[in-house]
Protein backbone atom coordinates (compact mmCIF):
# COMPACT_ATOMS: atom_id res chain seq x y z
CA UNK A 1 -23.71 47.35 -93.67
CA UNK A 2 -26.43 49.42 -94.62
CA UNK A 3 -28.33 51.35 -97.58
CA UNK A 4 -25.90 48.96 -99.71
CA UNK A 5 -22.05 48.00 -99.42
CA UNK A 6 -19.57 50.72 -99.37
CA UNK A 7 -16.24 49.55 -99.80
CA UNK A 8 -14.64 52.65 -98.22
CA UNK A 9 -16.20 51.64 -94.68
CA UNK A 10 -15.80 48.02 -95.51
CA UNK A 11 -12.08 48.91 -95.80
CA UNK A 12 -12.19 51.48 -92.68
CA UNK A 13 -13.90 48.26 -90.43
CA UNK A 14 -10.91 46.36 -91.04
CA UNK A 15 -8.72 48.23 -89.27
CA UNK A 16 -10.36 46.65 -86.31
CA UNK A 17 -9.93 43.06 -84.87
CA UNK A 18 -12.07 40.22 -86.20
CA UNK A 19 -13.94 40.33 -83.13
CA UNK A 20 -14.28 43.81 -82.49
CA UNK A 21 -15.73 44.56 -85.92
CA UNK A 22 -19.62 43.66 -84.81
CA UNK A 23 -18.81 46.39 -81.72
CA UNK A 24 -18.19 48.86 -84.54
CA UNK A 25 -21.36 48.45 -86.25
CA UNK A 26 -23.39 47.74 -83.16
CA UNK A 27 -22.85 51.39 -82.02
CA UNK A 28 -24.92 52.42 -84.91
CA UNK A 29 -27.77 49.92 -84.14
CA UNK A 30 -27.56 51.61 -80.57
CA UNK A 31 -28.26 55.35 -81.37
CA UNK A 32 -30.48 55.60 -85.00
CA UNK A 33 -34.03 55.95 -85.48
CA UNK A 34 -35.84 55.14 -89.05
CA UNK A 35 -35.77 58.12 -91.50
CA UNK A 36 -36.77 57.05 -95.80
CA UNK A 37 -34.25 56.60 -98.22
CA UNK A 38 -33.52 59.12 -100.52
CA UNK A 39 -32.88 55.93 -103.82
CA UNK A 40 -36.20 53.73 -102.71
CA UNK A 41 -38.41 55.66 -100.81
CA UNK A 42 -38.14 52.78 -97.98
CA UNK A 43 -36.97 54.12 -94.40
CA UNK A 44 -34.11 53.65 -93.62
CA UNK A 45 -31.66 53.74 -90.16
CA UNK A 46 -30.08 56.94 -89.39
CA UNK A 47 -28.13 58.84 -86.39
CA UNK A 48 -29.93 62.62 -85.34
CA UNK A 49 -28.05 65.26 -84.22
CA UNK A 50 -30.99 64.21 -81.26
CA UNK A 51 -29.59 61.08 -80.90
CA UNK A 52 -25.88 62.59 -80.24
CA UNK A 53 -26.66 64.45 -78.04
CA UNK A 54 -28.87 62.34 -75.63
CA UNK A 55 -25.76 59.61 -75.90
CA UNK A 56 -23.21 62.49 -75.27
CA UNK A 57 -24.38 65.05 -73.62
CA UNK A 58 -22.78 64.63 -69.67
CA UNK A 59 -19.24 64.75 -71.56
CA UNK A 60 -19.10 67.53 -73.99
CA UNK A 61 -21.24 70.85 -74.41
CA UNK A 62 -23.91 71.25 -77.33
CA UNK A 63 -21.68 73.11 -79.40
CA UNK A 64 -19.04 70.48 -79.26
CA UNK A 65 -21.78 67.98 -80.29
CA UNK A 66 -22.65 69.71 -82.81
CA UNK A 67 -19.18 69.20 -84.34
CA UNK A 68 -19.02 65.87 -84.26
CA UNK A 69 -21.93 65.34 -85.69
CA UNK A 70 -20.70 67.93 -88.33
CA UNK A 71 -17.44 65.84 -88.80
CA UNK A 72 -19.44 62.59 -89.31
CA UNK A 73 -21.87 64.30 -91.73
CA UNK A 74 -18.78 65.46 -94.02
CA UNK A 75 -18.15 61.97 -94.31
CA UNK A 76 -18.91 60.22 -98.28
CA UNK A 77 -19.30 57.14 -97.64
CA UNK A 78 -19.50 56.04 -101.35
CA UNK A 79 -23.15 54.98 -101.18
CA UNK A 80 -26.35 57.23 -101.20
CA UNK A 81 -27.47 58.97 -98.70
CA UNK A 82 -30.29 59.21 -96.53
CA UNK A 83 -32.63 62.85 -97.29
CA UNK A 84 -31.91 65.76 -94.63
CA UNK A 85 -29.54 65.78 -92.18
CA UNK A 86 -29.33 62.46 -90.96
CA UNK A 87 -25.66 60.30 -90.31
CA UNK A 88 -26.03 56.93 -91.66
CA UNK A 89 -24.28 53.77 -90.89
CA UNK A 90 -20.99 53.51 -93.00
CA UNK A 91 -20.08 57.42 -92.21
CA UNK A 92 -20.19 56.52 -89.03
CA UNK A 93 -18.16 53.99 -89.37
CA UNK A 94 -15.81 55.59 -91.06
CA UNK A 95 -15.53 58.18 -88.55
CA UNK A 96 -14.67 56.09 -86.11
CA UNK A 97 -12.60 54.48 -87.56
CA UNK A 98 -10.56 57.51 -88.49
CA UNK A 99 -10.78 59.29 -84.72
CA UNK A 100 -9.80 55.72 -83.33
CA UNK A 101 -7.28 54.43 -85.67
CA UNK A 102 -6.31 56.98 -88.40
CA UNK A 103 -3.50 58.86 -89.62
CA UNK A 104 -3.08 63.09 -89.15
CA UNK A 105 -4.06 62.87 -93.30
CA UNK A 106 -7.15 61.21 -92.70
CA UNK A 107 -8.37 63.30 -88.89
CA UNK A 108 -7.20 66.97 -90.62
CA UNK A 109 -10.78 67.09 -93.02
CA UNK A 110 -12.55 65.88 -89.75
CA UNK A 111 -11.31 68.54 -87.40
CA UNK A 112 -11.35 70.89 -90.27
CA UNK A 113 -15.23 69.69 -90.75
CA UNK A 114 -15.57 70.31 -86.62
CA UNK A 115 -14.19 73.55 -86.89
CA UNK A 116 -15.74 75.40 -89.72
CA UNK A 117 -18.40 72.85 -91.46
CA UNK A 118 -18.88 70.39 -93.49
CA UNK A 119 -17.86 71.90 -97.18
CA UNK A 120 -14.86 73.92 -95.71
CA UNK A 121 -11.59 74.35 -97.66
CA UNK A 122 -9.60 75.92 -94.64
CA UNK A 123 -10.73 77.68 -91.58
CA UNK A 124 -9.03 80.73 -89.34
CA UNK A 125 -6.84 80.03 -86.32
CA UNK A 126 -9.83 81.85 -84.34
CA UNK A 127 -12.15 78.98 -85.11
CA UNK A 128 -9.50 76.21 -84.88
CA UNK A 129 -8.60 77.90 -81.16
CA UNK A 130 -12.48 77.73 -80.49
CA UNK A 131 -12.59 74.29 -81.68
CA UNK A 132 -9.60 73.68 -79.17
CA UNK A 133 -11.51 74.83 -76.01
CA UNK A 134 -14.52 72.71 -76.82
CA UNK A 135 -12.52 69.54 -77.30
CA UNK A 136 -10.27 70.64 -74.19
CA UNK A 137 -13.97 71.33 -72.13
CA UNK A 138 -15.18 67.74 -72.82
CA UNK A 139 -11.64 65.66 -72.38
CA UNK A 140 -12.34 67.41 -69.23
CA UNK A 141 -15.75 66.35 -68.38
CA UNK A 142 -15.37 62.92 -70.00
CA UNK A 143 -12.53 62.41 -67.71
CA UNK A 144 -14.67 63.69 -64.80
CA UNK A 145 -18.10 61.80 -65.40
CA UNK A 146 -15.98 58.31 -66.22
CA UNK A 147 -14.47 58.30 -63.39
CA UNK A 148 -10.87 58.74 -64.67
CA UNK A 149 -9.88 61.91 -62.12
CA UNK A 150 -6.96 59.51 -60.86
CA UNK A 151 -7.37 60.83 -57.55
CA UNK A 152 -6.99 64.72 -58.26
CA UNK A 153 -9.99 66.78 -57.31
CA UNK A 154 -10.82 69.35 -59.71
CA UNK A 155 -13.32 71.41 -56.44
CA UNK A 156 -10.14 71.90 -54.09
CA UNK A 157 -8.02 73.14 -57.73
CA UNK A 158 -7.11 75.62 -59.70
CA UNK A 159 -9.62 77.77 -62.07
CA UNK A 160 -10.18 74.96 -64.42
CA UNK A 161 -12.26 76.50 -67.19
CA UNK A 162 -9.51 79.32 -67.67
CA UNK A 163 -6.87 76.87 -67.92
CA UNK A 164 -9.19 75.15 -70.61
CA UNK A 165 -8.57 78.75 -71.95
CA UNK A 166 -5.02 78.64 -71.67
CA UNK A 167 -4.73 75.00 -72.82
CA UNK A 168 -6.79 75.46 -75.84
CA UNK A 169 -4.70 78.57 -77.05
CA UNK A 170 -1.51 77.23 -76.06
CA UNK A 171 -2.76 74.52 -78.71
CA UNK A 172 -3.21 76.25 -80.90
CA UNK A 173 -0.38 78.10 -80.83
CA UNK A 174 1.81 75.03 -82.42
CA UNK A 175 -0.17 76.07 -85.74
CA UNK A 176 1.71 76.60 -88.69
CA UNK A 177 -0.70 78.85 -90.57
CA UNK A 178 -0.55 81.43 -93.39
CA UNK A 179 0.27 85.09 -93.22
CA UNK A 180 -3.32 85.35 -92.65
CA UNK A 181 -3.92 82.81 -90.08
CA UNK A 182 -5.79 80.60 -92.00
CA UNK A 183 -5.49 76.92 -92.08
CA UNK A 184 -6.14 74.33 -94.90
CA UNK A 185 -5.74 70.35 -95.16
CA UNK A 186 -2.26 70.26 -94.95
CA UNK A 187 -1.74 72.89 -92.51
CA UNK A 188 -3.59 70.88 -90.18
CA UNK A 189 -2.36 67.51 -91.11
CA UNK A 190 1.31 69.20 -90.18
CA UNK A 191 -0.46 70.15 -86.80
CA UNK A 192 -1.96 66.73 -85.90
CA UNK A 193 1.66 64.97 -86.98
CA UNK A 194 3.64 66.94 -84.25
CA UNK A 195 0.68 67.19 -81.46
CA UNK A 196 -0.42 63.92 -80.48
CA UNK A 197 -2.20 65.48 -77.36
CA UNK A 198 -5.12 65.93 -80.45
CA UNK A 199 -5.68 63.16 -81.16
CA UNK A 200 -5.29 61.39 -77.61
CA UNK A 201 -8.45 64.18 -76.62
CA UNK A 202 -10.47 63.05 -79.58
CA UNK A 203 -9.46 59.39 -79.51
CA UNK A 204 -11.38 60.00 -75.63
CA UNK A 205 -14.34 61.78 -76.19
CA UNK A 206 -15.15 59.05 -79.17
CA UNK A 207 -14.53 56.43 -77.49
CA UNK A 208 -16.14 57.25 -74.08
CA UNK A 209 -18.51 59.54 -75.52
CA UNK A 210 -20.50 56.80 -78.13
CA UNK A 211 -19.22 53.95 -75.39
CA UNK A 212 -16.77 51.94 -77.98
CA UNK A 213 -15.15 49.77 -75.03
CA UNK A 214 -12.69 48.41 -77.35
CA UNK A 215 -10.19 46.17 -75.21
CA UNK A 216 -7.34 46.73 -77.84
CA UNK A 217 -8.40 50.60 -77.64
CA UNK A 218 -8.14 51.65 -74.06
CA UNK A 219 -9.52 55.31 -73.09
CA UNK A 220 -6.10 57.22 -73.41
CA UNK A 221 -4.49 58.34 -69.86
CA UNK A 222 -4.15 61.94 -69.96
CA UNK A 223 -3.58 62.19 -66.51
CA UNK A 224 -1.20 61.03 -63.57
CA UNK A 225 -2.06 59.55 -60.63
CA UNK A 226 -2.27 61.80 -57.36
CA UNK A 227 -0.52 59.77 -54.69
CA UNK A 228 -1.04 62.03 -51.84
CA UNK A 229 -2.39 66.04 -51.23
CA UNK A 230 -4.29 66.76 -48.21
CA UNK A 231 -7.29 68.07 -50.00
CA UNK A 232 -9.29 69.16 -47.36
CA UNK A 233 -6.82 71.74 -46.38
CA UNK A 234 -5.49 72.66 -50.17
CA UNK A 235 -5.97 75.04 -52.29
CA UNK A 236 -4.16 74.43 -55.25
CA UNK A 237 -2.60 75.72 -57.97
CA UNK A 238 -2.72 73.16 -60.22
CA UNK A 239 -5.86 72.39 -62.93
CA UNK A 240 -6.74 69.24 -64.70
CA UNK A 241 -5.57 71.18 -68.02
CA UNK A 242 -2.38 72.01 -66.54
CA UNK A 243 -2.04 68.63 -65.91
CA UNK A 244 -2.38 67.33 -68.68
CA UNK A 245 -0.09 69.69 -70.70
CA UNK A 246 2.44 69.73 -67.87
CA UNK A 247 2.78 65.92 -67.58
CA UNK A 248 3.56 64.51 -71.17
CA UNK A 249 6.57 67.13 -70.63
CA UNK A 250 8.30 65.22 -68.06
CA UNK A 251 10.25 62.00 -68.53
CA UNK A 252 8.48 59.35 -67.02
CA UNK A 253 5.10 60.64 -68.54
CA UNK A 254 1.84 60.15 -67.19
CA UNK A 255 3.06 56.95 -65.20
CA UNK A 256 4.83 59.22 -62.87
CA UNK A 257 2.62 59.39 -59.43
CA UNK A 258 2.20 62.92 -58.08
CA UNK A 259 2.47 63.80 -54.18
CA UNK A 260 2.62 67.03 -52.37
CA UNK A 261 5.62 68.07 -50.80
CA UNK A 262 5.30 71.89 -49.92
CA UNK A 263 2.16 74.08 -49.73
CA UNK A 264 2.10 78.15 -48.32
CA UNK A 265 -1.19 76.99 -47.65
CA UNK A 266 -0.39 74.31 -45.65
CA UNK A 267 3.09 74.62 -44.33
CA UNK A 268 3.07 78.54 -44.21
CA UNK A 269 5.58 80.76 -45.59
CA UNK A 270 9.00 79.43 -44.89
CA UNK A 271 12.35 78.99 -46.48
CA UNK A 272 13.59 76.35 -44.31
CA UNK A 273 10.55 74.25 -44.20
CA UNK A 274 10.32 73.95 -48.09
CA UNK A 275 13.85 73.41 -48.02
CA UNK A 276 13.41 70.89 -45.74
CA UNK A 277 10.31 69.37 -47.17
CA UNK A 278 11.69 68.85 -50.49
CA UNK A 279 14.85 68.08 -51.09
CA UNK A 280 16.66 64.48 -51.38
CA UNK A 281 12.50 63.57 -53.10
CA UNK A 282 13.43 63.08 -56.56
CA UNK A 283 12.12 64.82 -59.17
CA UNK A 284 9.78 67.89 -58.65
CA UNK A 285 7.17 70.32 -60.11
CA UNK A 286 7.65 73.92 -58.26
CA UNK A 287 4.63 76.30 -59.14
CA UNK A 288 4.63 79.77 -58.21
CA UNK A 289 1.92 82.66 -58.40
CA UNK A 290 2.54 86.67 -57.45
CA UNK A 291 0.82 89.23 -56.38
CA UNK A 292 -0.04 90.57 -59.90
CA UNK A 293 -1.53 86.84 -60.69
CA UNK A 294 1.16 84.91 -62.80
CA UNK A 295 1.92 81.79 -62.07
CA UNK A 296 4.84 79.96 -63.43
CA UNK A 297 7.38 77.24 -62.15
CA UNK A 298 9.99 74.48 -63.49
CA UNK A 299 10.25 71.18 -63.30
CA UNK A 300 13.90 69.86 -61.39
CA UNK A 301 14.66 66.19 -62.64
CA UNK A 302 16.87 65.39 -59.97
CA UNK A 303 16.59 65.41 -56.08
CA UNK A 304 16.78 68.60 -54.83
CA UNK A 305 19.83 68.96 -52.46
CA UNK A 306 21.88 72.05 -50.55
CA UNK A 307 24.76 72.84 -52.02
CA UNK A 308 26.91 75.74 -53.16
CA UNK A 309 26.70 74.79 -57.32
CA UNK A 310 24.49 74.16 -60.06
CA UNK A 311 22.41 70.72 -60.16
CA UNK A 312 20.03 68.88 -62.32
CA UNK A 313 20.20 67.59 -66.33
CA UNK A 314 19.36 69.16 -69.70
CA UNK A 315 15.23 66.99 -68.66
CA UNK A 316 14.78 70.27 -66.33
CA UNK A 317 12.86 73.01 -67.68
CA UNK A 318 11.15 76.21 -66.66
CA UNK A 319 6.89 76.86 -67.87
CA UNK A 320 4.61 79.55 -67.51
CA UNK A 321 0.47 78.55 -66.86
CA UNK A 322 -0.85 82.63 -66.94
CA UNK A 323 -1.17 84.63 -68.20
CA UNK A 324 0.03 81.98 -71.14
CA UNK A 325 0.62 78.56 -71.07
CA UNK A 326 3.97 77.47 -72.37
CA UNK A 327 7.20 75.42 -71.70
CA UNK A 328 11.05 76.21 -72.49
CA UNK A 329 13.59 73.54 -72.58
CA UNK A 330 17.23 73.69 -72.18
CA UNK A 331 19.10 75.60 -74.91
CA UNK A 332 22.51 74.17 -74.33
CA UNK A 333 24.38 77.46 -73.80
CA UNK A 334 24.76 76.86 -69.88
CA UNK A 335 24.28 73.97 -67.41
CA UNK A 336 23.06 76.69 -64.92
CA UNK A 337 19.44 73.97 -64.77
CA UNK A 338 19.33 74.62 -61.05
CA UNK A 339 20.77 76.25 -57.91
CA UNK A 340 20.12 75.90 -54.32
CA UNK A 341 21.46 77.06 -51.39
CA UNK A 342 20.77 78.26 -47.45
CA UNK A 343 22.84 79.70 -44.80
CA UNK A 344 26.18 80.53 -46.75
CA UNK A 345 27.92 83.90 -46.03
CA UNK A 346 29.13 84.83 -49.22
CA UNK A 347 26.93 82.97 -52.06
CA UNK A 348 23.51 83.59 -52.91
CA UNK A 349 20.60 81.81 -50.48
CA UNK A 350 17.47 80.86 -52.20
CA UNK A 351 16.38 78.92 -55.12
CA UNK A 352 16.72 79.11 -58.37
CA UNK A 353 16.39 78.36 -62.17
CA UNK A 354 18.07 79.14 -65.09
CA UNK A 355 20.05 82.45 -66.17
CA UNK A 356 23.02 83.10 -63.68
CA UNK A 357 23.64 84.61 -59.46
CA UNK A 358 21.65 87.54 -59.72
CA UNK A 359 19.94 87.00 -63.17
CA UNK A 360 18.08 83.63 -62.96
CA UNK A 361 14.66 83.03 -64.98
CA UNK A 362 13.19 82.30 -62.01
CA UNK A 363 14.26 83.03 -58.18
CA UNK A 364 12.70 82.24 -54.79
CA UNK A 365 14.74 84.59 -51.82
CA UNK A 366 15.89 82.20 -48.60
CA UNK A 367 14.15 85.52 -47.15
CA UNK A 368 10.98 84.31 -47.97
CA UNK A 369 7.91 86.56 -49.86
CA UNK A 370 10.11 87.83 -52.72
CA UNK A 371 11.87 86.94 -56.26
CA UNK A 372 13.01 87.79 -59.03
CA UNK A 373 12.61 86.35 -62.97
CA UNK A 374 15.38 88.33 -65.18
CA UNK A 375 15.56 87.61 -68.56
CA UNK A 376 16.12 90.70 -70.68
CA UNK A 377 15.66 89.48 -73.41
CA UNK A 378 16.18 85.48 -73.00
CA UNK A 379 16.95 83.37 -69.74
CA UNK A 380 20.12 82.03 -71.50
CA UNK A 381 19.59 78.61 -69.71
CA UNK A 382 16.24 77.88 -70.42
CA UNK A 383 15.07 81.26 -73.53
CA UNK A 384 12.01 81.48 -71.39
CA UNK A 385 11.03 85.24 -71.24
CA UNK A 386 10.42 87.32 -68.31
CA UNK A 387 7.63 84.84 -65.90
CA UNK A 388 6.13 86.79 -63.11
CA UNK A 389 4.68 90.34 -63.56
CA UNK A 390 7.81 92.42 -62.22
CA UNK A 391 11.31 91.90 -62.80
CA UNK A 392 11.69 91.86 -59.15
CA UNK A 393 8.37 90.68 -57.57
CA UNK A 394 5.81 89.29 -54.27
CA UNK A 395 5.10 85.74 -53.64
CA UNK A 396 1.06 85.02 -53.00
CA UNK A 397 1.65 81.01 -53.04
CA UNK A 398 4.21 78.71 -53.14
CA UNK A 399 3.99 74.91 -54.13
CA UNK A 400 5.89 72.08 -54.71
CA UNK A 401 5.01 68.07 -55.59
CA UNK A 402 7.11 65.51 -55.73
CA UNK A 403 7.19 63.63 -59.31
CA UNK A 404 7.70 59.94 -59.19
CA UNK A 405 8.45 57.12 -56.70
CA UNK A 406 9.96 58.09 -53.59
CA UNK A 407 14.21 57.69 -53.70
CA UNK A 408 13.25 55.78 -50.23
CA UNK A 409 11.43 53.35 -51.78
CA UNK A 410 13.09 53.04 -55.07
CA UNK A 411 16.03 51.93 -53.05
CA UNK A 412 13.60 49.18 -50.90
CA UNK A 413 12.75 47.56 -54.44
CA UNK A 414 16.22 47.69 -55.63
CA UNK A 415 17.14 45.65 -52.17
CA UNK A 416 14.25 43.09 -53.09
CA UNK A 417 15.44 42.57 -56.79
CA UNK A 418 19.19 41.80 -54.94
CA UNK A 419 20.28 38.00 -54.81
CA UNK A 420 21.63 37.21 -51.20
CA UNK A 421 25.33 36.90 -52.86
CA UNK A 422 24.76 40.40 -53.91
CA UNK A 423 24.10 41.61 -50.09
CA UNK A 424 27.16 39.78 -48.44
CA UNK A 425 29.95 39.08 -51.23
CA UNK A 426 31.92 37.27 -48.41
CA UNK A 427 29.15 34.77 -48.39
CA UNK A 428 29.69 34.45 -52.27
CA UNK A 429 33.79 34.15 -51.30
CA UNK A 430 32.90 31.60 -48.70
CA UNK A 431 30.73 29.11 -51.11
CA UNK A 432 33.33 29.34 -54.09
CA UNK A 433 35.81 28.46 -51.77
CA UNK A 434 33.97 25.68 -50.24
CA UNK A 435 33.51 24.39 -53.83
CA UNK A 436 29.75 25.22 -53.44
CA UNK A 437 27.90 25.64 -57.15
CA UNK A 438 26.57 28.84 -57.63
CA UNK A 439 23.44 27.42 -59.78
CA UNK A 440 21.55 30.80 -60.11
CA UNK A 441 24.67 32.77 -60.71
CA UNK A 442 24.19 32.50 -64.63
CA UNK A 443 20.23 32.34 -64.63
CA UNK A 444 19.82 36.06 -63.34
CA UNK A 445 18.53 39.00 -65.22
CA UNK A 446 20.92 41.26 -66.24
CA UNK A 447 21.03 44.32 -64.93
CA UNK A 448 19.71 47.44 -66.84
CA UNK A 449 23.12 48.76 -67.70
CA UNK A 450 24.94 45.39 -68.54
CA UNK A 451 22.38 44.59 -71.08
């Protein structure tokens, strides 16, 4: 392999299946250029930064490609290196193995090198945030270039570059840095272990950027499917980085398709229309923008129903999108997860999440156009701060998305799975009375709640 055998590289290569190892080694052969060897003076093969730019240029910025090159260059392959700044095959193999198959401990030095430089022992949280902006932006660019947007249309969605910065800040906020805002290898190891999105972004960029194409390592799914949205008429609050952030927080993750149920840009400013479009539609995501520019919302884990009592369960949560991206989950203090009421004389009419009547963490009044986010110091149900610009705010935009299959489709699928014996118990009883043997009765798969 390359200049001479490298035990380190051979061990890393062993992580891949036998049929995948030639693919990993072949990536270098596609990208290299000749360079003289340090030990013998004979031509050897190296991967240059320019070659990396030619390969990854459509999926990442120049600064991100330089970071990837720095990460490769920081690796000690255990064999003599070529003169200059070229990457040898052993370095590339180790880099690919650590990014695609590695542990948090193996990825942490590479992240440090990509953020700060090849010989750094620590870096600042600001440098990590800059690195994350480059990485998140590259992940979004890669999804678009490779056709993995899953029917979402960024040109009809919210501010993507702003979303990149907000998601990078959110991910960086999870770092447990020192008092001087410094991050060393143990700090980065802990961060990478707790934040799986980091590994997924790196796997997507490197796997797609270098055209790895391993059958056992398909590109990670970072977005849910957009099942329905009238894009020609829609001005969407969602953006791609926000979807990458929100969907993993939900019970079904990326596997649940999204469909638009309500938007003020299409359906107008009507609370009655909002309720009619969204009730009994399964789990939903509510997005609100106020006139101060704050964007926030909540996830409701069960179908919205109009009734004078709290509903939902502990899977519900509130979130902020702008000016910062955060999720606020249940504290366990109470069960005031969700409230929806209309047309009552004595109880509040509107849509609320968390807190209590008159002091919701998020409230939209049935007299459409007004709401509040009263959380002093924090919302009791979700531990969230004030989400809106003003405690009592004026609405600019409201958007509701259904998440997962519509309940009626799920019921149809459940019905199709049922035997005629389940659908009509009288037939089953008649067959038993006449002595007919129910041959299939003991062969059917047990229901989920019977297992």
